Amino acid sequence: MPQRKDIKSLSVEELNEDLKILGLPSYRTKQVFLWLHQKNVTSFEEMLNIPKNIRQTLSERYYIAVATIEKKQISCYDNTVKYLFRLYDGELIESVLMNYHHGYTLCISTQVGCKMGCTFCATGKGGFSRNLTPSEMLAQIQSAQTDNNIRIANVVLMGMGEPLDNFENVLKFLSLVSDENGLNIGMRHISLSTCGIVPRIYELAEKKLQITLSVSLHAPNDTIRSRTMPVNKVYPIGELIKACRYYTKTTKRRITFEYAMIDKVNDSDNCAEELAQLIKGMLCHINLIPVNNVTETNYRKSQKKRLIQFASILEKNGVPVTVRRTLGADIDASCGQLRGKHRIKQNNN
């Protein structure tokens, strides 16, 4: 399939240039683009207002990326849906569909696996295979919408992989997903989560996109963060916070700091005080997350009273804070868990 060109990753302008080479009139560009992005066709034969000979030519030169549902789990508590999608080369990725009062949100993957090696995350345990194309990111949204007969209102790039490690493809995805002739999901309804690749944060700031940047901080100092997040050894916390301050000043957009609360690791009163001083005066918000219990580590989520006390200290220091509501508690809703269990099962068969 890769010998053919990835048509769904092409912008309107790029598609128009390609079809012009084939001698097709410009109005065909919009027709094809709509079929791919709004009508979610999985084959060129479904493009009914395109002549058969043109459909045949397109199928010989291009392929349409899809995300096929390999497995899904539905929470009995809140109807959160965890998807395991299979891609054209057999690789598996995960997405999570959540239903909030403001509409459906889909958390999508940007890579097959992850290189970052965060010790509390199941994704990195399975290793890294490859980057996702823009079309494969789009396909996750399209598959979830079709499966549930819904429109997804918000997208979070917080699934498997590090979005800023797949920078160019992610930027192309953001352009395509927000195109008015495509899925038309506005930038303000998109969040991108990074573990802290500092040079890319500066580059992203210069783009001045209207997305929400979420930074996985998870510690108030280098000692704890380097132990749990190897990326901190390359980009220490001081450099990261400096980049974040630059981002907020340049974009005028608030940053969300994700902070996974790990029992007896980063949840002490001293950690809360240190965290408050670290981000003091920045346009930001702290999102406290009860860490998922990952089988491969000894990490356990903080006690509820510890969460409350930690949040209280931040609030007393003038830091906006919320405790994330846990969704999909009865399914493998954290990144990498469903894929990992599926691979183990396949290897044992």
Protein backbone atom coordinates (compact mmCIF):
# COMPACT_ATOMS: atom_id res chain seq x y z
CA MET A 1 0.00 0.00 0.00
CA PRO A 2 2.75 2.57 0.73
CA GLN A 3 3.84 2.29 -2.93
CA ARG A 4 0.72 4.28 -3.68
CA LYS A 5 0.31 7.84 -2.44
CA ASP A 6 -1.53 8.70 0.77
CA ILE A 7 -4.38 10.79 -0.66
CA LYS A 8 -6.08 11.70 2.63
CA SER A 9 -2.91 13.37 3.92
CA LEU A 10 -2.96 15.85 1.02
CA SER A 11 -4.20 19.41 1.55
CA VAL A 12 -6.76 20.84 -0.86
CA GLU A 13 -3.94 22.67 -2.66
CA GLU A 14 -1.75 19.58 -2.91
CA LEU A 15 -4.66 17.45 -4.10
CA ASN A 16 -5.55 20.04 -6.72
CA GLU A 17 -1.98 20.00 -8.07
CA ASP A 18 -1.99 16.20 -8.24
CA LEU A 19 -5.33 16.02 -10.03
CA LYS A 20 -4.26 18.77 -12.41
CA ILE A 21 -1.35 16.55 -13.49
CA LEU A 22 -3.92 13.85 -14.24
CA GLY A 23 -5.76 16.33 -16.46
CA LEU A 24 -8.77 16.64 -14.17
CA PRO A 25 -10.72 19.91 -13.79
CA SER A 26 -10.41 21.79 -10.49
CA TYR A 27 -13.99 21.05 -9.39
CA ARG A 28 -13.01 17.39 -9.03
CA THR A 29 -10.65 18.38 -6.22
CA LYS A 30 -13.44 19.50 -3.91
CA GLN A 31 -15.55 16.46 -4.80
CA VAL A 32 -12.75 14.05 -3.92
CA PHE A 33 -11.79 15.99 -0.76
CA LEU A 34 -15.38 15.92 0.51
CA TRP A 35 -15.66 12.18 -0.11
CA LEU A 36 -12.45 11.57 1.83
CA HIS A 37 -12.98 13.89 4.77
CA GLN A 38 -16.71 14.49 5.25
CA LYS A 39 -18.27 11.34 3.82
CA ASN A 40 -15.53 9.06 5.13
CA VAL A 41 -15.34 6.68 2.19
CA THR A 42 -12.95 3.77 2.50
CA SER A 43 -12.65 3.04 -1.23
CA PHE A 44 -12.69 5.08 -4.43
CA GLU A 45 -15.63 3.00 -5.69
CA GLU A 46 -17.85 4.80 -3.16
CA MET A 47 -17.24 8.19 -4.85
CA LEU A 48 -20.44 7.98 -6.84
CA ASN A 49 -20.27 11.37 -8.58
CA ILE A 50 -16.80 10.60 -9.95
CA PRO A 51 -16.69 8.80 -13.34
CA LYS A 52 -15.65 5.14 -13.15
CA ASN A 53 -12.49 5.62 -15.24
CA ILE A 54 -11.28 8.39 -12.90
CA ARG A 55 -12.04 6.24 -9.85
CA GLN A 56 -9.95 3.47 -11.39
CA THR A 57 -7.05 5.86 -12.03
CA LEU A 58 -7.22 7.17 -8.47
CA SER A 59 -7.21 3.66 -7.00
CA GLU A 60 -4.09 2.81 -8.99
CA ARG A 61 -2.20 5.88 -7.77
CA TYR A 62 -3.49 6.43 -4.24
CA TYR A 63 -4.67 4.61 -1.14
CA ILE A 64 -7.21 5.71 1.49
CA ALA A 65 -5.97 5.33 5.07
CA VAL A 66 -8.45 3.73 7.47
CA ALA A 67 -8.45 2.72 11.12
CA THR A 68 -10.21 -0.63 11.39
CA ILE A 69 -11.73 -1.54 14.74
CA GLU A 70 -9.80 -4.53 16.06
CA LYS A 71 -11.36 -4.45 19.51
CA LYS A 72 -13.35 -2.07 21.69
CA GLN A 73 -14.32 -1.87 25.33
CA ILE A 74 -17.29 0.10 26.68
CA SER A 75 -17.37 1.27 30.27
CA CYS A 76 -20.40 0.23 32.30
CA TYR A 77 -19.97 3.36 34.43
CA ASP A 78 -19.93 6.22 31.93
CA ASN A 79 -20.05 4.72 28.40
CA THR A 80 -16.44 5.68 27.71
CA VAL A 81 -15.25 3.64 24.71
CA LYS A 82 -11.68 2.37 24.34
CA TYR A 83 -10.74 1.48 20.75
CA LEU A 84 -7.94 -0.70 19.49
CA PHE A 85 -7.50 0.19 15.81
CA ARG A 86 -5.59 -1.82 13.20
CA LEU A 87 -3.73 0.08 10.48
CA TYR A 88 -2.85 -0.99 6.92
CA ASP A 89 0.44 -2.62 8.00
CA GLY A 90 -1.07 -4.50 10.93
CA GLU A 91 0.15 -2.06 13.57
CA LEU A 92 -2.22 -1.35 16.47
CA ILE A 93 -3.06 1.99 18.05
CA GLU A 94 -5.53 3.18 20.69
CA SER A 95 -8.15 5.91 20.97
CA VAL A 96 -10.59 6.77 23.75
CA LEU A 97 -14.05 8.27 23.19
CA MET A 98 -15.48 10.25 26.12
CA ASN A 99 -18.89 11.88 26.47
CA TYR A 100 -18.89 15.18 28.34
CA HIS A 101 -21.68 17.74 28.80
CA HIS A 102 -20.06 19.86 26.07
CA GLY A 103 -20.03 16.99 23.55
CA TYR A 104 -17.96 14.01 22.52
CA THR A 105 -14.18 14.14 22.92
CA LEU A 106 -11.81 11.70 21.25
CA CYS A 107 -8.30 11.14 22.54
CA ILE A 108 -6.19 10.00 19.58
CA SER A 109 -2.73 8.52 19.05
CA THR A 110 0.01 10.21 17.02
CA GLN A 111 2.55 7.37 16.95
CA VAL A 112 2.63 3.58 17.10
CA GLY A 113 4.21 3.21 20.51
CA CYS A 114 6.44 5.90 22.04
CA LYS A 115 10.14 6.67 22.46
CA MET A 116 9.86 8.79 25.59
CA GLY A 117 9.94 6.00 28.19
CA CYS A 118 7.95 7.66 30.98
CA THR A 119 8.00 5.13 33.80
CA PHE A 120 4.33 5.51 34.76
CA CYS A 121 3.00 5.04 31.18
CA ALA A 122 2.10 1.69 29.62
CA THR A 123 2.59 2.87 26.02
CA GLY A 124 6.37 3.07 26.17
CA LYS A 125 6.58 -0.48 27.54
CA GLY A 126 5.63 -1.78 24.09
CA GLY A 127 8.40 0.12 22.31
CA PHE A 128 8.22 2.46 19.33
CA SER A 129 7.37 1.35 15.79
CA ARG A 130 6.67 4.40 13.64
CA ASN A 131 4.99 7.78 13.27
CA LEU A 132 1.36 8.06 12.21
CA THR A 133 0.50 9.92 9.04
CA PRO A 134 -1.98 12.82 9.14
CA SER A 135 -4.53 10.54 7.46
CA GLU A 136 -4.16 7.88 10.18
CA MET A 137 -4.88 10.50 12.84
CA LEU A 138 -7.95 11.61 10.90
CA ALA A 139 -9.04 8.00 10.41
CA GLN A 140 -9.32 7.47 14.18
CA ILE A 141 -11.85 10.31 14.39
CA GLN A 142 -13.79 9.11 11.35
CA SER A 143 -13.98 5.51 12.59
CA ALA A 144 -15.23 6.56 16.03
CA GLN A 145 -17.83 8.90 14.51
CA THR A 146 -19.10 6.24 12.12
CA ASP A 147 -19.18 3.53 14.79
CA ASN A 148 -21.29 5.66 17.13
CA ASN A 149 -23.19 7.75 14.56
CA ILE A 150 -22.06 10.95 16.27
CA ARG A 151 -20.09 14.10 15.60
CA ILE A 152 -16.93 14.50 17.64
CA ALA A 153 -16.66 18.03 18.99
CA ASN A 154 -13.23 17.94 20.62
CA VAL A 155 -9.96 16.18 19.89
CA VAL A 156 -7.11 15.53 22.30
CA LEU A 157 -3.68 14.46 21.03
CA MET A 158 -2.88 12.58 24.20
CA GLY A 159 -3.05 8.92 23.18
CA MET A 160 -0.11 6.73 22.23
CA GLY A 161 3.03 8.62 21.23
CA GLU A 162 4.56 12.07 21.67
CA PRO A 163 2.90 14.55 19.25
CA LEU A 164 5.90 16.90 19.10
CA ASP A 165 8.13 13.96 18.13
CA ASN A 166 5.95 13.67 15.01
CA PHE A 167 5.86 17.42 14.51
CA GLU A 168 5.35 17.88 10.76
CA ASN A 169 2.66 15.21 10.47
CA VAL A 170 0.83 16.65 13.50
CA LEU A 171 0.88 20.15 12.00
CA LYS A 172 -0.53 18.75 8.75
CA PHE A 173 -3.22 16.91 10.70
CA LEU A 174 -4.20 20.11 12.54
CA SER A 175 -4.59 21.90 9.23
CA LEU A 176 -6.67 19.09 7.70
CA VAL A 177 -8.94 18.41 10.68
CA SER A 178 -9.85 22.11 10.98
CA ASP A 179 -10.49 22.57 7.23
CA GLU A 180 -14.05 23.80 6.64
CA ASN A 181 -14.40 21.28 3.81
CA GLY A 182 -13.22 18.48 6.07
CA LEU A 183 -14.10 17.48 9.61
CA ASN A 184 -14.19 21.20 10.46
CA ILE A 185 -13.13 20.83 14.10
CA GLY A 186 -11.89 24.26 15.16
CA MET A 187 -8.43 24.70 16.67
CA ARG A 188 -9.93 25.93 19.95
CA HIS A 189 -11.48 22.47 20.31
CA ILE A 190 -8.15 20.69 19.99
CA SER A 191 -5.62 19.97 22.75
CA LEU A 192 -2.07 18.78 22.19
CA SER A 193 -0.15 17.09 25.00
CA THR A 194 3.65 16.95 25.17
CA CYS A 195 6.12 15.54 27.66
CA GLY A 196 8.29 18.59 27.03
CA ILE A 197 10.34 18.65 23.82
CA VAL A 198 11.55 22.19 24.35
CA PRO A 199 12.67 23.22 20.81
CA ARG A 200 9.32 22.14 19.37
CA ILE A 201 7.43 24.16 22.00
CA TYR A 202 9.22 27.27 20.74
CA GLU A 203 8.41 26.32 17.12
CA LEU A 204 4.78 25.68 18.00
CA ALA A 205 4.58 29.05 19.74
CA GLU A 206 5.65 30.79 16.54
CA LYS A 207 2.77 29.12 14.66
CA LYS A 208 0.34 30.95 17.00
CA LEU A 209 -2.30 28.25 16.62
CA GLN A 210 -5.43 28.45 18.75
CA ILE A 211 -4.99 24.98 20.19
CA THR A 212 -4.63 24.24 23.90
CA LEU A 213 -1.14 23.07 24.85
CA SER A 214 -0.95 20.54 27.67
CA VAL A 215 2.43 19.81 29.20
CA SER A 216 3.00 16.58 31.12
CA LEU A 217 4.93 17.96 34.08
CA HIS A 218 4.34 15.37 36.81
CA ALA A 219 7.07 16.72 39.12
CA PRO A 220 8.18 20.05 40.63
CA ASN A 221 11.94 19.46 40.33
CA ASP A 222 14.60 17.74 38.24
CA THR A 223 15.30 15.00 40.78
CA ILE A 224 11.80 13.53 40.68
CA ARG A 225 11.09 14.33 37.04
CA SER A 226 14.31 12.75 35.74
CA ARG A 227 13.47 9.58 37.67
CA THR A 228 10.01 9.29 36.15
CA MET A 229 10.49 11.02 32.76
CA PRO A 230 13.77 10.43 30.85
CA VAL A 231 13.07 13.45 28.59
CA ASN A 232 13.92 15.66 31.56
CA LYS A 233 17.58 14.62 31.30
CA VAL A 234 17.66 16.25 27.85
CA TYR A 235 15.37 19.20 28.60
CA PRO A 236 15.53 19.96 32.35
CA ILE A 237 12.57 21.46 34.11
CA GLY A 238 14.01 24.98 34.14
CA GLU A 239 14.36 24.98 30.33
CA LEU A 240 10.87 23.53 29.98
CA ILE A 241 9.22 26.17 32.16
CA LYS A 242 11.11 28.92 30.32
CA ALA A 243 9.74 27.59 27.00
CA CYS A 244 6.23 27.41 28.48
CA ARG A 245 6.40 31.03 29.64
CA TYR A 246 7.49 32.03 26.14
CA TYR A 247 4.59 30.04 24.66
CA THR A 248 1.95 31.75 26.79
CA LYS A 249 3.37 35.24 26.12
CA THR A 250 3.60 34.61 22.37
CA THR A 251 0.23 32.92 21.83
CA LYS A 252 -1.76 34.51 24.70
CA ARG A 253 -3.05 30.97 25.25
CA ARG A 254 -3.18 29.34 28.67
CA ILE A 255 -1.11 26.18 29.19
CA THR A 256 -2.46 23.20 31.11
CA PHE A 257 0.10 21.35 33.20
CA GLU A 258 -0.80 17.69 33.62
CA TYR A 259 0.34 16.30 36.95
CA ALA A 260 -0.11 12.57 37.61
CA MET A 261 -0.37 12.08 41.35
CA ILE A 262 1.80 9.11 42.36
CA ASP A 263 1.63 7.87 45.93
CA LYS A 264 4.76 8.79 47.93
CA VAL A 265 6.62 9.96 44.80
CA ASN A 266 5.40 13.45 43.87
CA ASP A 267 2.36 14.10 46.07
CA SER A 268 3.82 15.58 49.28
CA ASP A 269 3.02 19.03 50.69
CA ASN A 270 6.57 20.10 49.84
CA CYS A 271 6.02 19.06 46.22
CA ALA A 272 2.85 21.15 46.09
CA GLU A 273 4.62 24.23 47.50
CA GLU A 274 7.55 23.79 45.11
CA LEU A 275 5.21 23.36 42.14
CA ALA A 276 3.33 26.54 43.03
CA GLN A 277 6.57 28.54 43.09
CA LEU A 278 7.80 26.96 39.84
CA ILE A 279 4.86 28.22 37.76
CA LYS A 280 4.06 31.36 39.74
CA GLY A 281 2.79 34.21 37.55
CA MET A 282 2.32 32.09 34.42
CA LEU A 283 -0.92 31.94 32.42
CA CYS A 284 -1.59 28.31 33.28
CA HIS A 285 -3.75 25.74 34.98
CA ILE A 286 -2.86 22.54 36.86
CA ASN A 287 -4.75 19.34 36.12
CA LEU A 288 -4.19 16.75 38.85
CA ILE A 289 -4.58 13.20 37.57
CA PRO A 290 -4.94 10.11 39.77
CA VAL A 291 -2.23 7.98 38.10
CA ASN A 292 -3.34 4.72 36.49
CA ASN A 293 -2.06 1.58 38.18
CA VAL A 294 0.29 0.18 35.52
CA THR A 295 1.12 -3.51 35.93
CA GLU A 296 4.79 -3.08 34.96
CA THR A 297 5.53 -0.53 37.71
CA ASN A 298 5.02 -0.26 41.44
CA TYR A 299 3.34 3.14 41.13
CA ARG A 300 -0.01 3.58 42.79
CA LYS A 301 -2.41 6.50 42.71
CA SER A 302 -2.41 8.97 45.58
CA GLN A 303 -5.04 8.69 48.26
CA LYS A 304 -8.08 10.94 47.81
CA LYS A 305 -7.29 13.00 50.92
CA ARG A 306 -3.76 13.58 49.56
CA LEU A 307 -5.22 14.81 46.27
CA ILE A 308 -7.47 17.24 48.13
CA GLN A 309 -4.64 18.52 50.32
CA PHE A 310 -2.29 18.95 47.33
CA ALA A 311 -4.96 20.91 45.42
CA SER A 312 -5.66 23.04 48.48
CA ILE A 313 -2.01 24.09 48.76
CA LEU A 314 -1.94 25.09 45.09
CA GLU A 315 -5.13 27.11 45.47
CA LYS A 316 -3.74 28.94 48.53
CA ASN A 317 -0.80 29.95 46.35
CA GLY A 318 -3.14 31.34 43.67
CA VAL A 319 -2.69 28.47 41.19
CA PRO A 320 -5.87 27.39 39.33
CA VAL A 321 -6.27 23.65 39.78
CA THR A 322 -8.75 20.87 39.04
CA VAL A 323 -8.75 17.14 39.72
CA ARG A 324 -9.47 15.23 36.55
CA ARG A 325 -12.59 13.08 36.65
CA THR A 326 -11.67 9.45 36.02
CA LEU A 327 -13.48 7.98 33.03
CA GLY A 328 -13.48 4.37 31.87
CA ALA A 329 -12.34 3.08 35.27
CA ASP A 330 -13.53 -0.45 34.50
CA ILE A 331 -11.77 -0.72 31.12
CA ASP A 332 -8.17 -0.39 29.89
CA ALA A 333 -8.60 3.35 29.38
CA SER A 334 -5.03 4.48 29.98
CA CYS A 335 -2.68 4.66 27.00
CA GLY A 336 -1.07 1.43 25.89
CA GLN A 337 -2.89 -0.99 28.19
CA LEU A 338 -5.32 -2.46 25.67
CA ARG A 339 -2.63 -2.75 22.97
CA GLY A 340 -0.23 -4.38 25.41
CA LYS A 341 -2.75 -6.97 26.62
CA HIS A 342 -3.80 -7.72 23.04
CA ARG A 343 -0.20 -8.34 21.97
CA ILE A 344 0.43 -10.63 24.93
CA LYS A 345 -2.70 -12.62 24.08
CA GLN A 346 -1.69 -12.88 20.39
CA ASN A 347 1.81 -14.07 21.32
CA ASN A 348 0.42 -16.72 23.64
CA ASN A 349 -1.90 -18.15 20.98
